[in-house]
Amino acid sequence: MRPRDPGLDTLLDLDGVVLVVDPEGRYWVRFVVTQVPVSSEKPQGLDYSLTLHGPRGERLVGFDNAHPVGRRERGEPHDHRHRLRTVKPYEYQDAASLLADFWTAVDAVLRERGVIQ
């Protein structure tokens, strides 16, 4: 039996939450997180999508495990991150690290776009 992830309740509580992240209300984040049976596709027992969206609703940042990526395009879904137009594998460690990594990526994109300092 795996030890309980102490940040899991926080992550699960964010399911369905949408937050505006800039003073003008043009950028927003959305959290979709549900527990699922542990499987080879979802070894952490989660189905998740954490996304930052821009003024036209376009996804700028995303962390998820909803679809196959890279060489596994036709295979099983695996954890990965989207940043602007790139997709790279993501090494899921725990819920708190996922949230920290997501917010770091969000802050980086908002700084690059001059939305925050």
Protein backbone atom coordinates (compact mmCIF):
# COMPACT_ATOMS: atom_id res chain seq x y z
CA MET A 1 0.00 0.00 0.00
CA ARG A 2 1.31 3.43 -0.98
CA PRO A 3 1.52 6.16 1.68
CA ARG A 4 -1.16 8.85 1.43
CA ASP A 5 -0.13 11.91 -0.59
CA PRO A 6 -0.56 14.82 1.87
CA GLY A 7 -1.31 17.35 -0.92
CA LEU A 8 -3.93 15.19 -2.62
CA ASP A 9 -6.94 16.64 -0.77
CA THR A 10 -5.90 20.16 -1.76
CA LEU A 11 -5.57 19.15 -5.40
CA LEU A 12 -8.91 17.31 -5.40
CA ASP A 13 -10.62 20.31 -3.76
CA LEU A 14 -9.61 22.41 -6.78
CA ASP A 15 -11.67 20.28 -9.18
CA GLY A 16 -13.94 22.58 -11.16
CA VAL A 17 -12.32 25.80 -9.91
CA VAL A 18 -11.67 28.61 -12.38
CA LEU A 19 -9.56 31.56 -11.19
CA VAL A 20 -8.84 34.86 -12.93
CA VAL A 21 -5.11 35.53 -12.53
CA ASP A 22 -4.64 39.08 -13.79
CA PRO A 23 -6.12 42.46 -12.80
CA GLU A 24 -7.83 42.96 -16.18
CA GLY A 25 -9.55 39.57 -16.08
CA ARG A 26 -8.07 38.37 -19.37
CA TYR A 27 -6.07 35.35 -18.14
CA TRP A 28 -7.53 32.49 -16.15
CA VAL A 29 -6.69 29.04 -14.84
CA ARG A 30 -8.92 25.98 -14.69
CA PHE A 31 -8.54 22.81 -12.63
CA VAL A 32 -10.13 19.47 -13.53
CA VAL A 33 -9.06 16.71 -11.14
CA THR A 34 -10.75 13.41 -10.36
CA GLN A 35 -9.67 10.23 -8.66
CA VAL A 36 -9.72 7.16 -10.86
CA PRO A 37 -8.65 3.57 -10.29
CA VAL A 38 -4.88 3.14 -10.28
CA SER A 39 -3.77 1.74 -13.64
CA SER A 40 -0.69 1.63 -15.83
CA GLU A 41 -2.01 4.72 -17.64
CA LYS A 42 -2.74 6.62 -14.42
CA PRO A 43 -0.48 5.15 -11.72
CA GLN A 44 -1.20 8.00 -9.31
CA GLY A 45 -4.94 7.26 -9.48
CA LEU A 46 -5.76 10.69 -10.91
CA ASP A 47 -7.15 12.11 -14.10
CA TYR A 48 -6.09 15.75 -14.16
CA SER A 49 -5.88 18.84 -16.32
CA LEU A 50 -4.51 22.13 -14.97
CA THR A 51 -4.55 24.90 -17.57
CA LEU A 52 -3.79 28.60 -18.06
CA HIS A 53 -5.83 30.34 -20.75
CA GLY A 54 -5.23 33.62 -22.55
CA PRO A 55 -7.54 36.45 -23.60
CA ARG A 56 -9.07 34.49 -26.49
CA GLY A 57 -9.46 31.32 -24.44
CA GLU A 58 -6.37 29.69 -25.92
CA ARG A 59 -4.43 27.28 -23.72
CA LEU A 60 -1.03 28.72 -22.83
CA VAL A 61 0.03 26.23 -20.15
CA GLY A 62 -1.32 22.81 -19.34
CA PHE A 63 -0.37 19.88 -17.14
CA ASP A 64 -2.40 16.75 -17.77
CA ASN A 65 -2.49 13.02 -18.35
CA ALA A 66 -5.48 12.89 -20.64
CA HIS A 67 -3.98 11.87 -23.97
CA PRO A 68 -0.95 10.14 -25.47
CA VAL A 69 2.09 12.30 -26.34
CA GLY A 70 5.28 12.07 -28.38
CA ARG A 71 6.30 8.62 -29.49
CA ARG A 72 3.32 7.27 -27.60
CA GLU A 73 0.80 9.16 -29.75
CA ARG A 74 -1.04 5.93 -30.44
CA GLY A 75 -0.39 4.47 -27.01
CA GLU A 76 -1.55 5.13 -23.50
CA PRO A 77 -1.95 8.55 -21.90
CA HIS A 78 1.00 9.72 -19.82
CA ASP A 79 1.73 12.75 -17.69
CA HIS A 80 2.92 15.71 -19.73
CA ARG A 81 2.98 19.49 -19.86
CA HIS A 82 2.02 21.95 -22.55
CA ARG A 83 3.72 25.33 -22.76
CA LEU A 84 2.53 27.49 -25.60
CA ARG A 85 2.96 25.14 -28.61
CA THR A 86 5.29 22.56 -27.08
CA VAL A 87 4.44 19.32 -25.29
CA LYS A 88 6.96 17.56 -23.06
CA PRO A 89 6.76 14.61 -20.67
CA TYR A 90 6.12 15.49 -17.05
CA GLU A 91 7.41 13.41 -14.15
CA TYR A 92 4.54 13.33 -11.65
CA GLN A 93 5.88 13.14 -8.07
CA ASP A 94 2.96 14.16 -5.88
CA ALA A 95 0.02 16.57 -5.79
CA ALA A 96 1.89 19.43 -4.08
CA SER A 97 4.75 19.26 -6.62
CA LEU A 98 2.23 19.23 -9.49
CA LEU A 99 0.61 22.40 -8.15
CA ALA A 100 3.97 24.10 -7.55
CA ASP A 101 5.22 23.20 -11.04
CA PHE A 102 1.98 24.41 -12.61
CA TRP A 103 2.08 27.79 -10.83
CA THR A 104 5.78 28.22 -11.74
CA ALA A 105 4.93 27.69 -15.42
CA VAL A 106 1.92 30.03 -15.17
CA ASP A 107 4.03 32.78 -13.59
CA ALA A 108 6.73 32.37 -16.26
CA VAL A 109 4.27 32.78 -19.15
CA LEU A 110 2.51 35.73 -17.49
CA ARG A 111 5.89 37.44 -16.94
CA GLU A 112 6.94 36.80 -20.56
CA ARG A 113 3.72 38.42 -21.72
CA GLY A 114 4.14 41.41 -19.38
CA VAL A 115 0.98 40.55 -17.45
CA ILE A 116 2.84 40.41 -14.13
CA GLN A 117 6.27 41.59 -13.02
